[in-house]
Amino acid sequence: MQATKPYSTAIKARGQLTIPKKIRELKHLEEGQTVSLIPLGDAVIITPQRLELDEARRRISRILKETGTKADDLLTELVKEREALYRERYGKKAR
């Protein structure tokens, strides 16, 4: 088990809790992501609640943003790749 430095944060008036940036980056937590809170004795465990589809969407969105690619361009290239694969496999143009 990896030893980590403890971080302190305060609970705001409406019950909001800020997770320090270093922990968010280390655990790949992003804005809007759902987490589970598990009470365990005197402690509370916070764990990411990752749905496979949501995780895929987040990763694709991050890649598009980092590369400056637009979704329309990605879809256009996907159609081209699909056509090429179909021709390679079946020797003719896809319908």
PDB file of N, CA and C in Angstrom:
ATOM      1  N   MET A   1       0.847  -1.177   0.000  1.00  0.00           N
ATOM      2  CA  MET A   1       0.000   0.000   0.000  1.00  0.00           C
ATOM      3  C   MET A   1       0.890   1.238   0.000  1.00  0.00           C
ATOM      4  N   GLN A   2       0.568   2.183  -0.844  1.00  0.00           N
ATOM      5  CA  GLN A   2       1.373   3.390  -1.005  1.00  0.00           C
ATOM      6  C   GLN A   2       1.043   4.398   0.091  1.00  0.00           C
ATOM      7  N   ALA A   3       2.068   4.888   0.780  1.00  0.00           N
ATOM      8  CA  ALA A   3       1.868   5.911   1.797  1.00  0.00           C
ATOM      9  C   ALA A   3       1.679   7.247   1.104  1.00  0.00           C
ATOM     10  N   THR A   4       0.716   8.021   1.573  1.00  0.00           N
ATOM     11  CA  THR A   4       0.467   9.328   0.978  1.00  0.00           C
ATOM     12  C   THR A   4       0.430  10.394   2.055  1.00  0.00           C
ATOM     13  N   LYS A   5       0.707  11.594   1.620  1.00  0.00           N
ATOM     14  CA  LYS A   5       0.674  12.751   2.505  1.00  0.00           C
ATOM     15  C   LYS A   5      -0.785  13.106   2.790  1.00  0.00           C
ATOM     16  N   PRO A   6      -1.149  13.342   4.048  1.00  0.00           N
ATOM     17  CA  PRO A   6      -2.530  13.742   4.333  1.00  0.00           C
ATOM     18  C   PRO A   6      -2.783  15.188   3.903  1.00  0.00           C
ATOM     19  N   TYR A   7      -3.971  15.451   3.426  1.00  0.00           N
ATOM     20  CA  TYR A   7      -4.388  16.798   3.027  1.00  0.00           C
ATOM     21  C   TYR A   7      -5.562  17.203   3.900  1.00  0.00           C
ATOM     22  N   SER A   8      -5.668  18.487   4.197  1.00  0.00           N
ATOM     23  CA  SER A   8      -6.794  18.998   4.978  1.00  0.00           C
ATOM     24  C   SER A   8      -7.649  19.890   4.097  1.00  0.00           C
ATOM     25  N   THR A   9      -8.944  19.847   4.339  1.00  0.00           N
ATOM     26  CA  THR A   9      -9.882  20.699   3.629  1.00  0.00           C
ATOM     27  C   THR A   9     -11.080  20.932   4.540  1.00  0.00           C
ATOM     28  N   ALA A  10     -11.837  21.973   4.278  1.00  0.00           N
ATOM     29  CA  ALA A  10     -12.985  22.302   5.134  1.00  0.00           C
ATOM     30  C   ALA A  10     -14.287  22.009   4.408  1.00  0.00           C
ATOM     31  N   ILE A  11     -15.277  21.622   5.170  1.00  0.00           N
ATOM     32  CA  ILE A  11     -16.617  21.426   4.621  1.00  0.00           C
ATOM     33  C   ILE A  11     -17.296  22.789   4.616  1.00  0.00           C
ATOM     34  N   LYS A  12     -17.810  23.189   3.453  1.00  0.00           N
ATOM     35  CA  LYS A  12     -18.457  24.496   3.290  1.00  0.00           C
ATOM     36  C   LYS A  12     -19.866  24.467   3.896  1.00  0.00           C
ATOM     37  N   ALA A  13     -20.513  25.632   3.956  1.00  0.00           N
ATOM     38  CA  ALA A  13     -21.820  25.790   4.594  1.00  0.00           C
ATOM     39  C   ALA A  13     -22.877  24.841   4.024  1.00  0.00           C
ATOM     40  N   ARG A  14     -22.855  24.607   2.726  1.00  0.00           N
ATOM     41  CA  ARG A  14     -23.866  23.744   2.095  1.00  0.00           C
ATOM     42  C   ARG A  14     -23.417  22.293   2.011  1.00  0.00           C
ATOM     43  N   GLY A  15     -22.397  21.918   2.763  1.00  0.00           N
ATOM     44  CA  GLY A  15     -21.925  20.538   2.792  1.00  0.00           C
ATOM     45  C   GLY A  15     -20.929  20.205   1.700  1.00  0.00           C
ATOM     46  N   GLN A  16     -20.478  21.208   0.946  1.00  0.00           N
ATOM     47  CA  GLN A  16     -19.527  20.958  -0.137  1.00  0.00           C
ATOM     48  C   GLN A  16     -18.126  20.758   0.412  1.00  0.00           C
ATOM     49  N   LEU A  17     -17.420  19.842  -0.216  1.00  0.00           N
ATOM     50  CA  LEU A  17     -16.072  19.496   0.195  1.00  0.00           C
ATOM     51  C   LEU A  17     -15.164  19.599  -1.028  1.00  0.00           C
ATOM     52  N   THR A  18     -14.076  20.335  -0.923  1.00  0.00           N
ATOM     53  CA  THR A  18     -13.130  20.457  -2.027  1.00  0.00           C
ATOM     54  C   THR A  18     -12.054  19.393  -1.883  1.00  0.00           C
ATOM     55  N   ILE A  19     -11.873  18.598  -2.937  1.00  0.00           N
ATOM     56  CA  ILE A  19     -10.794  17.607  -2.955  1.00  0.00           C
ATOM     57  C   ILE A  19      -9.574  18.311  -3.540  1.00  0.00           C
ATOM     58  N   PRO A  20      -8.460  18.332  -2.816  1.00  0.00           N
ATOM     59  CA  PRO A  20      -7.272  19.038  -3.301  1.00  0.00           C
ATOM     60  C   PRO A  20      -6.849  18.581  -4.699  1.00  0.00           C
ATOM     61  N   LYS A  21      -6.326  19.532  -5.473  1.00  0.00           N
ATOM     62  CA  LYS A  21      -5.955  19.295  -6.869  1.00  0.00           C
ATOM     63  C   LYS A  21      -5.004  18.113  -7.034  1.00  0.00           C
ATOM     64  N   LYS A  22      -4.011  17.993  -6.156  1.00  0.00           N
ATOM     65  CA  LYS A  22      -3.036  16.897  -6.282  1.00  0.00           C
ATOM     66  C   LYS A  22      -3.725  15.532  -6.165  1.00  0.00           C
ATOM     67  N   ILE A  23      -4.714  15.429  -5.300  1.00  0.00           N
ATOM     68  CA  ILE A  23      -5.436  14.162  -5.149  1.00  0.00           C
ATOM     69  C   ILE A  23      -6.324  13.923  -6.371  1.00  0.00           C
ATOM     70  N   ARG A  24      -7.017  14.983  -6.845  1.00  0.00           N
ATOM     71  CA  ARG A  24      -7.858  14.835  -8.048  1.00  0.00           C
ATOM     72  C   ARG A  24      -7.030  14.367  -9.234  1.00  0.00           C
ATOM     73  N   GLU A  25      -5.842  14.960  -9.400  1.00  0.00           N
ATOM     74  CA  GLU A  25      -4.980  14.561 -10.515  1.00  0.00           C
ATOM     75  C   GLU A  25      -4.464  13.136 -10.338  1.00  0.00           C
ATOM     76  N   LEU A  26      -4.050  12.803  -9.131  1.00  0.00           N
ATOM     77  CA  LEU A  26      -3.513  11.473  -8.846  1.00  0.00           C
ATOM     78  C   LEU A  26      -4.553  10.380  -9.098  1.00  0.00           C
ATOM     79  N   LYS A  27      -5.788  10.664  -8.754  1.00  0.00           N
ATOM     80  CA  LYS A  27      -6.861   9.664  -8.871  1.00  0.00           C
ATOM     81  C   LYS A  27      -7.754   9.876 -10.092  1.00  0.00           C
ATOM     82  N   HIS A  28      -7.361  10.809 -10.958  1.00  0.00           N
ATOM     83  CA  HIS A  28      -8.092  11.085 -12.210  1.00  0.00           C
ATOM     84  C   HIS A  28      -9.563  11.415 -11.957  1.00  0.00           C
ATOM     85  N   LEU A  29      -9.792  12.271 -10.975  1.00  0.00           N
ATOM     86  CA  LEU A  29     -11.146  12.734 -10.667  1.00  0.00           C
ATOM     87  C   LEU A  29     -11.392  14.030 -11.436  1.00  0.00           C
ATOM     88  N   GLU A  30     -12.552  14.125 -12.082  1.00  0.00           N
ATOM     89  CA  GLU A  30     -12.848  15.290 -12.901  1.00  0.00           C
ATOM     90  C   GLU A  30     -14.147  15.945 -12.468  1.00  0.00           C
ATOM     91  N   GLU A  31     -14.284  17.207 -12.825  1.00  0.00           N
ATOM     92  CA  GLU A  31     -15.498  17.959 -12.512  1.00  0.00           C
ATOM     93  C   GLU A  31     -16.723  17.226 -13.052  1.00  0.00           C
ATOM     94  N   GLY A  32     -17.744  17.144 -12.224  1.00  0.00           N
ATOM     95  CA  GLY A  32     -18.987  16.507 -12.631  1.00  0.00           C
ATOM     96  C   GLY A  32     -19.009  14.999 -12.409  1.00  0.00           C
ATOM     97  N   GLN A  33     -17.880  14.420 -12.086  1.00  0.00           N
ATOM     98  CA  GLN A  33     -17.817  12.976 -11.875  1.00  0.00           C
ATOM     99  C   GLN A  33     -18.513  12.611 -10.565  1.00  0.00           C
ATOM    100  N   THR A  34     -19.215  11.511 -10.564  1.00  0.00           N
ATOM    101  CA  THR A  34     -19.903  11.040  -9.364  1.00  0.00           C
ATOM    102  C   THR A  34     -18.944  10.200  -8.522  1.00  0.00           C
ATOM    103  N   VAL A  35     -19.002  10.404  -7.212  1.00  0.00           N
ATOM    104  CA  VAL A  35     -18.204   9.605  -6.282  1.00  0.00           C
ATOM    105  C   VAL A  35     -19.136   8.952  -5.273  1.00  0.00           C
ATOM    106  N   SER A  36     -18.669   7.875  -4.696  1.00  0.00           N
ATOM    107  CA  SER A  36     -19.404   7.200  -3.629  1.00  0.00           C
ATOM    108  C   SER A  36     -18.757   7.554  -2.298  1.00  0.00           C
ATOM    109  N   LEU A  37     -19.576   7.790  -1.273  1.00  0.00           N
ATOM    110  CA  LEU A  37     -19.088   8.045   0.084  1.00  0.00           C
ATOM    111  C   LEU A  37     -19.463   6.828   0.930  1.00  0.00           C
ATOM    112  N   ILE A  38     -18.451   6.204   1.509  1.00  0.00           N
ATOM    113  CA  ILE A  38     -18.678   4.987   2.281  1.00  0.00           C
ATOM    114  C   ILE A  38     -18.268   5.241   3.723  1.00  0.00           C
ATOM    115  N   PRO A  39     -19.258   5.316   4.657  1.00  0.00           N
ATOM    116  CA  PRO A  39     -18.905   5.489   6.068  1.00  0.00           C
ATOM    117  C   PRO A  39     -18.263   4.203   6.598  1.00  0.00           C
ATOM    118  N   LEU A  40     -17.133   4.364   7.275  1.00  0.00           N
ATOM    119  CA  LEU A  40     -16.419   3.211   7.802  1.00  0.00           C
ATOM    120  C   LEU A  40     -15.860   3.585   9.168  1.00  0.00           C
ATOM    121  N   GLY A  41     -16.581   3.222  10.223  1.00  0.00           N
ATOM    122  CA  GLY A  41     -16.182   3.602  11.574  1.00  0.00           C
ATOM    123  C   GLY A  41     -16.194   5.114  11.701  1.00  0.00           C
ATOM    124  N   ASP A  42     -15.068   5.690  12.132  1.00  0.00           N
ATOM    125  CA  ASP A  42     -14.945   7.148  12.267  1.00  0.00           C
ATOM    126  C   ASP A  42     -14.485   7.810  10.973  1.00  0.00           C
ATOM    127  N   ALA A  43     -14.290   7.035   9.914  1.00  0.00           N
ATOM    128  CA  ALA A  43     -13.785   7.563   8.651  1.00  0.00           C
ATOM    129  C   ALA A  43     -14.862   7.519   7.562  1.00  0.00           C
ATOM    130  N   VAL A  44     -14.590   8.249   6.493  1.00  0.00           N
ATOM    131  CA  VAL A  44     -15.439   8.210   5.305  1.00  0.00           C
ATOM    132  C   VAL A  44     -14.508   7.963   4.120  1.00  0.00           C
ATOM    133  N   ILE A  45     -14.792   6.936   3.350  1.00  0.00           N
ATOM    134  CA  ILE A  45     -14.003   6.636   2.157  1.00  0.00           C
ATOM    135  C   ILE A  45     -14.718   7.262   0.970  1.00  0.00           C
ATOM    136  N   ILE A  46     -13.961   8.007   0.158  1.00  0.00           N
ATOM    137  CA  ILE A  46     -14.492   8.605  -1.065  1.00  0.00           C
ATOM    138  C   ILE A  46     -13.884   7.835  -2.220  1.00  0.00           C
ATOM    139  N   THR A  47     -14.730   7.259  -3.063  1.00  0.00           N
ATOM    140  CA  THR A  47     -14.229   6.458  -4.172  1.00  0.00           C
ATOM    141  C   THR A  47     -14.951   6.839  -5.466  1.00  0.00           C
ATOM    142  N   PRO A  48     -14.245   6.861  -6.594  1.00  0.00           N
ATOM    143  CA  PRO A  48     -14.901   7.203  -7.852  1.00  0.00           C
ATOM    144  C   PRO A  48     -15.971   6.182  -8.195  1.00  0.00           C
ATOM    145  N   GLN A  49     -17.078   6.665  -8.688  1.00  0.00           N
ATOM    146  CA  GLN A  49     -18.148   5.781  -9.148  1.00  0.00           C
ATOM    147  C   GLN A  49     -18.142   5.905 -10.664  1.00  0.00           C
ATOM    148  N   ARG A  50     -17.389   5.055 -11.312  1.00  0.00           N
ATOM    149  CA  ARG A  50     -17.181   5.171 -12.756  1.00  0.00           C
ATOM    150  C   ARG A  50     -18.106   4.220 -13.498  1.00  0.00           C
ATOM    151  N   LEU A  51     -18.918   4.793 -14.340  1.00  0.00           N
ATOM    152  CA  LEU A  51     -19.713   3.992 -15.253  1.00  0.00           C
ATOM    153  C   LEU A  51     -18.889   3.883 -16.530  1.00  0.00           C
ATOM    154  N   GLU A  52     -18.851   2.718 -17.128  1.00  0.00           N
ATOM    155  CA  GLU A  52     -17.991   2.517 -18.289  1.00  0.00           C
ATOM    156  C   GLU A  52     -18.278   3.521 -19.401  1.00  0.00           C
ATOM    157  N   LEU A  53     -19.540   3.757 -19.701  1.00  0.00           N
ATOM    158  CA  LEU A  53     -19.882   4.674 -20.775  1.00  0.00           C
ATOM    159  C   LEU A  53     -19.488   6.105 -20.417  1.00  0.00           C
ATOM    160  N   ASP A  54     -19.757   6.513 -19.188  1.00  0.00           N
ATOM    161  CA  ASP A  54     -19.365   7.858 -18.752  1.00  0.00           C
ATOM    162  C   ASP A  54     -17.857   8.032 -18.811  1.00  0.00           C
ATOM    163  N   GLU A  55     -17.129   7.009 -18.386  1.00  0.00           N
ATOM    164  CA  GLU A  55     -15.669   7.081 -18.403  1.00  0.00           C
ATOM    165  C   GLU A  55     -15.167   7.198 -19.839  1.00  0.00           C
ATOM    166  N   ALA A  56     -15.724   6.433 -20.750  1.00  0.00           N
ATOM    167  CA  ALA A  56     -15.327   6.511 -22.159  1.00  0.00           C
ATOM    168  C   ALA A  56     -15.627   7.904 -22.711  1.00  0.00           C
ATOM    169  N   ARG A  57     -16.793   8.445 -22.385  1.00  0.00           N
ATOM    170  CA  ARG A  57     -17.171   9.782 -22.856  1.00  0.00           C
ATOM    171  C   ARG A  57     -16.197  10.835 -22.334  1.00  0.00           C
ATOM    172  N   ARG A  58     -15.844  10.739 -21.064  1.00  0.00           N
ATOM    173  CA  ARG A  58     -14.901  11.691 -20.480  1.00  0.00           C
ATOM    174  C   ARG A  58     -13.534  11.619 -21.164  1.00  0.00           C
ATOM    175  N   ARG A  59     -13.070  10.391 -21.404  1.00  0.00           N
ATOM    176  CA  ARG A  59     -11.760  10.231 -22.037  1.00  0.00           C
ATOM    177  C   ARG A  59     -11.768  10.759 -23.464  1.00  0.00           C
ATOM    178  N   ILE A  60     -12.824  10.469 -24.206  1.00  0.00           N
ATOM    179  CA  ILE A  60     -12.924  10.967 -25.578  1.00  0.00           C
ATOM    180  C   ILE A  60     -12.989  12.489 -25.569  1.00  0.00           C
ATOM    181  N   SER A  61     -13.783  13.056 -24.681  1.00  0.00           N
ATOM    182  CA  SER A  61     -13.875  14.522 -24.587  1.00  0.00           C
ATOM    183  C   SER A  61     -12.522  15.139 -24.260  1.00  0.00           C
ATOM    184  N   ARG A  62     -11.790  14.519 -23.350  1.00  0.00           N
ATOM    185  CA  ARG A  62     -10.476  15.031 -22.961  1.00  0.00           C
ATOM    186  C   ARG A  62      -9.507  14.969 -24.146  1.00  0.00           C
ATOM    187  N   ILE A  63      -9.514  13.855 -24.875  1.00  0.00           N
ATOM    188  CA  ILE A  63      -8.625  13.713 -26.037  1.00  0.00           C
ATOM    189  C   ILE A  63      -8.970  14.733 -27.109  1.00  0.00           C
ATOM    190  N   LEU A  64     -10.269  14.918 -27.378  1.00  0.00           N
ATOM    191  CA  LEU A  64     -10.686  15.899 -28.378  1.00  0.00           C
ATOM    192  C   LEU A  64     -10.207  17.293 -27.979  1.00  0.00           C
ATOM    193  N   LYS A  65     -10.379  17.630 -26.707  1.00  0.00           N
ATOM    194  CA  LYS A  65      -9.973  18.949 -26.230  1.00  0.00           C
ATOM    195  C   LYS A  65      -8.450  19.127 -26.310  1.00  0.00           C
ATOM    196  N   GLU A  66      -7.707  18.112 -25.874  1.00  0.00           N
ATOM    197  CA  GLU A  66      -6.244  18.192 -25.872  1.00  0.00           C
ATOM    198  C   GLU A  66      -5.661  18.280 -27.280  1.00  0.00           C
ATOM    199  N   THR A  67      -6.304  17.626 -28.240  1.00  0.00           N
ATOM    200  CA  THR A  67      -5.777  17.611 -29.606  1.00  0.00           C
ATOM    201  C   THR A  67      -6.391  18.693 -30.485  1.00  0.00           C
ATOM    202  N   GLY A  68      -7.419  19.383 -29.964  1.00  0.00           N
ATOM    203  CA  GLY A  68      -8.077  20.415 -30.755  1.00  0.00           C
ATOM    204  C   GLY A  68      -8.927  19.848 -31.875  1.00  0.00           C
ATOM    205  N   THR A  69      -9.306  18.587 -31.770  1.00  0.00           N
ATOM    206  CA  THR A  69     -10.125  17.937 -32.788  1.00  0.00           C
ATOM    207  C   THR A  69     -11.597  18.184 -32.497  1.00  0.00           C
ATOM    208  N   LYS A  70     -12.354  18.436 -33.548  1.00  0.00           N
ATOM    209  CA  LYS A  70     -13.802  18.618 -33.396  1.00  0.00           C
ATOM    210  C   LYS A  70     -14.502  17.270 -33.582  1.00  0.00           C
ATOM    211  N   ALA A  71     -15.628  17.092 -32.905  1.00  0.00           N
ATOM    212  CA  ALA A  71     -16.368  15.829 -32.980  1.00  0.00           C
ATOM    213  C   ALA A  71     -16.768  15.521 -34.423  1.00  0.00           C
ATOM    214  N   ASP A  72     -17.173  16.541 -35.186  1.00  0.00           N
ATOM    215  CA  ASP A  72     -17.565  16.324 -36.586  1.00  0.00           C
ATOM    216  C   ASP A  72     -16.400  15.772 -37.405  1.00  0.00           C
ATOM    217  N   ASP A  73     -15.196  16.310 -37.166  1.00  0.00           N
ATOM    218  CA  ASP A  73     -14.018  15.819 -37.878  1.00  0.00           C
ATOM    219  C   ASP A  73     -13.735  14.360 -37.512  1.00  0.00           C
ATOM    220  N   LEU A  74     -13.889  14.045 -36.242  1.00  0.00           N
ATOM    221  CA  LEU A  74     -13.671  12.681 -35.780  1.00  0.00           C
ATOM    222  C   LEU A  74     -14.656  11.726 -36.456  1.00  0.00           C
ATOM    223  N   LEU A  75     -15.915  12.125 -36.535  1.00  0.00           N
ATOM    224  CA  LEU A  75     -16.932  11.274 -37.163  1.00  0.00           C
ATOM    225  C   LEU A  75     -16.665  11.102 -38.659  1.00  0.00           C
ATOM    226  N   THR A  76     -16.214  12.166 -39.324  1.00  0.00           N
ATOM    227  CA  THR A  76     -15.880  12.081 -40.748  1.00  0.00           C
ATOM    228  C   THR A  76     -14.751  11.078 -40.963  1.00  0.00           C
ATOM    229  N   GLU A  77     -13.722  11.168 -40.125  1.00  0.00           N
ATOM    230  CA  GLU A  77     -12.594  10.235 -40.238  1.00  0.00           C
ATOM    231  C   GLU A  77     -13.027   8.808 -39.910  1.00  0.00           C
ATOM    232  N   LEU A  78     -13.949   8.654 -38.978  1.00  0.00           N
ATOM    233  CA  LEU A  78     -14.456   7.332 -38.634  1.00  0.00           C
ATOM    234  C   LEU A  78     -15.138   6.686 -39.837  1.00  0.00           C
ATOM    235  N   VAL A  79     -15.929   7.459 -40.569  1.00  0.00           N
ATOM    236  CA  VAL A  79     -16.594   6.946 -41.771  1.00  0.00           C
ATOM    237  C   VAL A  79     -15.544   6.503 -42.791  1.00  0.00           C
ATOM    238  N   LYS A  80     -14.502   7.314 -42.983  1.00  0.00           N
ATOM    239  CA  LYS A  80     -13.431   6.964 -43.920  1.00  0.00           C
ATOM    240  C   LYS A  80     -12.732   5.667 -43.499  1.00  0.00           C
ATOM    241  N   GLU A  81     -12.438   5.542 -42.209  1.00  0.00           N
ATOM    242  CA  GLU A  81     -11.778   4.342 -41.703  1.00  0.00           C
ATOM    243  C   GLU A  81     -12.662   3.113 -41.889  1.00  0.00           C
ATOM    244  N   ARG A  82     -13.948   3.269 -41.649  1.00  0.00           N
ATOM    245  CA  ARG A  82     -14.896   2.167 -41.807  1.00  0.00           C
ATOM    246  C   ARG A  82     -14.944   1.714 -43.264  1.00  0.00           C
ATOM    247  N   GLU A  83     -14.983   2.686 -44.189  1.00  0.00           N
ATOM    248  CA  GLU A  83     -14.976   2.387 -45.629  1.00  0.00           C
ATOM    249  C   GLU A  83     -13.719   1.612 -46.014  1.00  0.00           C
ATOM    250  N   ALA A  84     -12.570   2.092 -45.542  1.00  0.00           N
ATOM    251  CA  ALA A  84     -11.305   1.439 -45.874  1.00  0.00           C
ATOM    252  C   ALA A  84     -11.257   0.016 -45.332  1.00  0.00           C
ATOM    253  N   LEU A  85     -11.718  -0.170 -44.117  1.00  0.00           N
ATOM    254  CA  LEU A  85     -11.745  -1.504 -43.523  1.00  0.00           C
ATOM    255  C   LEU A  85     -12.672  -2.431 -44.290  1.00  0.00           C
ATOM    256  N   TYR A  86     -13.817  -1.925 -44.695  1.00  0.00           N
ATOM    257  CA  TYR A  86     -14.786  -2.722 -45.450  1.00  0.00           C
ATOM    258  C   TYR A  86     -14.184  -3.147 -46.794  1.00  0.00           C
ATOM    259  N   ARG A  87     -13.522  -2.173 -47.504  1.00  0.00           N
ATOM    260  CA  ARG A  87     -12.891  -2.499 -48.793  1.00  0.00           C
ATOM    261  C   ARG A  87     -11.791  -3.534 -48.602  1.00  0.00           C
ATOM    262  N   GLU A  88     -11.016  -3.364 -47.536  1.00  0.00           N
ATOM    263  CA  GLU A  88      -9.929  -4.308 -47.259  1.00  0.00           C
ATOM    264  C   GLU A  88     -10.471  -5.707 -47.001  1.00  0.00           C
ATOM    265  N   ARG A  89     -11.522  -5.778 -46.251  1.00  0.00           N
ATOM    266  CA  ARG A  89     -12.078  -7.071 -45.862  1.00  0.00           C
ATOM    267  C   ARG A  89     -12.904  -7.711 -46.972  1.00  0.00           C
ATOM    268  N   TYR A  90     -13.730  -6.919 -47.666  1.00  0.00           N
ATOM    269  CA  TYR A  90     -14.672  -7.480 -48.629  1.00  0.00           C
ATOM    270  C   TYR A  90     -14.383  -7.083 -50.083  1.00  0.00           C
ATOM    271  N   GLY A  91     -13.408  -6.214 -50.293  1.00  0.00           N
ATOM    272  CA  GLY A  91     -13.009  -5.846 -51.637  1.00  0.00           C
ATOM    273  C   GLY A  91     -13.961  -4.975 -52.397  1.00  0.00           C
ATOM    274  N   LYS A  92     -14.886  -4.329 -51.726  1.00  0.00           N
ATOM    275  CA  LYS A  92     -15.799  -3.419 -52.405  1.00  0.00           C
ATOM    276  C   LYS A  92     -16.208  -2.299 -51.465  1.00  0.00           C
ATOM    277  N   LYS A  93     -16.882  -1.311 -52.022  1.00  0.00           N
ATOM    278  CA  LYS A  93     -17.314  -0.145 -51.247  1.00  0.00           C
ATOM    279  C   LYS A  93     -18.499  -0.513 -50.349  1.00  0.00           C
ATOM    280  N   ALA A  94     -18.491   0.007 -49.118  1.00  0.00           N
ATOM    281  CA  ALA A  94     -19.617  -0.221 -48.179  1.00  0.00           C
ATOM    282  C   ALA A  94     -20.840   0.501 -48.668  1.00  0.00           C
ATOM    283  N   ARG A  95     -21.983  -0.025 -48.299  1.00  0.00           N
ATOM    284  CA  ARG A  95     -23.252   0.585 -48.711  1.00  0.00           C
ATOM    285  C   ARG A  95     -23.579   1.814 -47.924  1.00  0.00           C
TER     286      ARG A  95
END
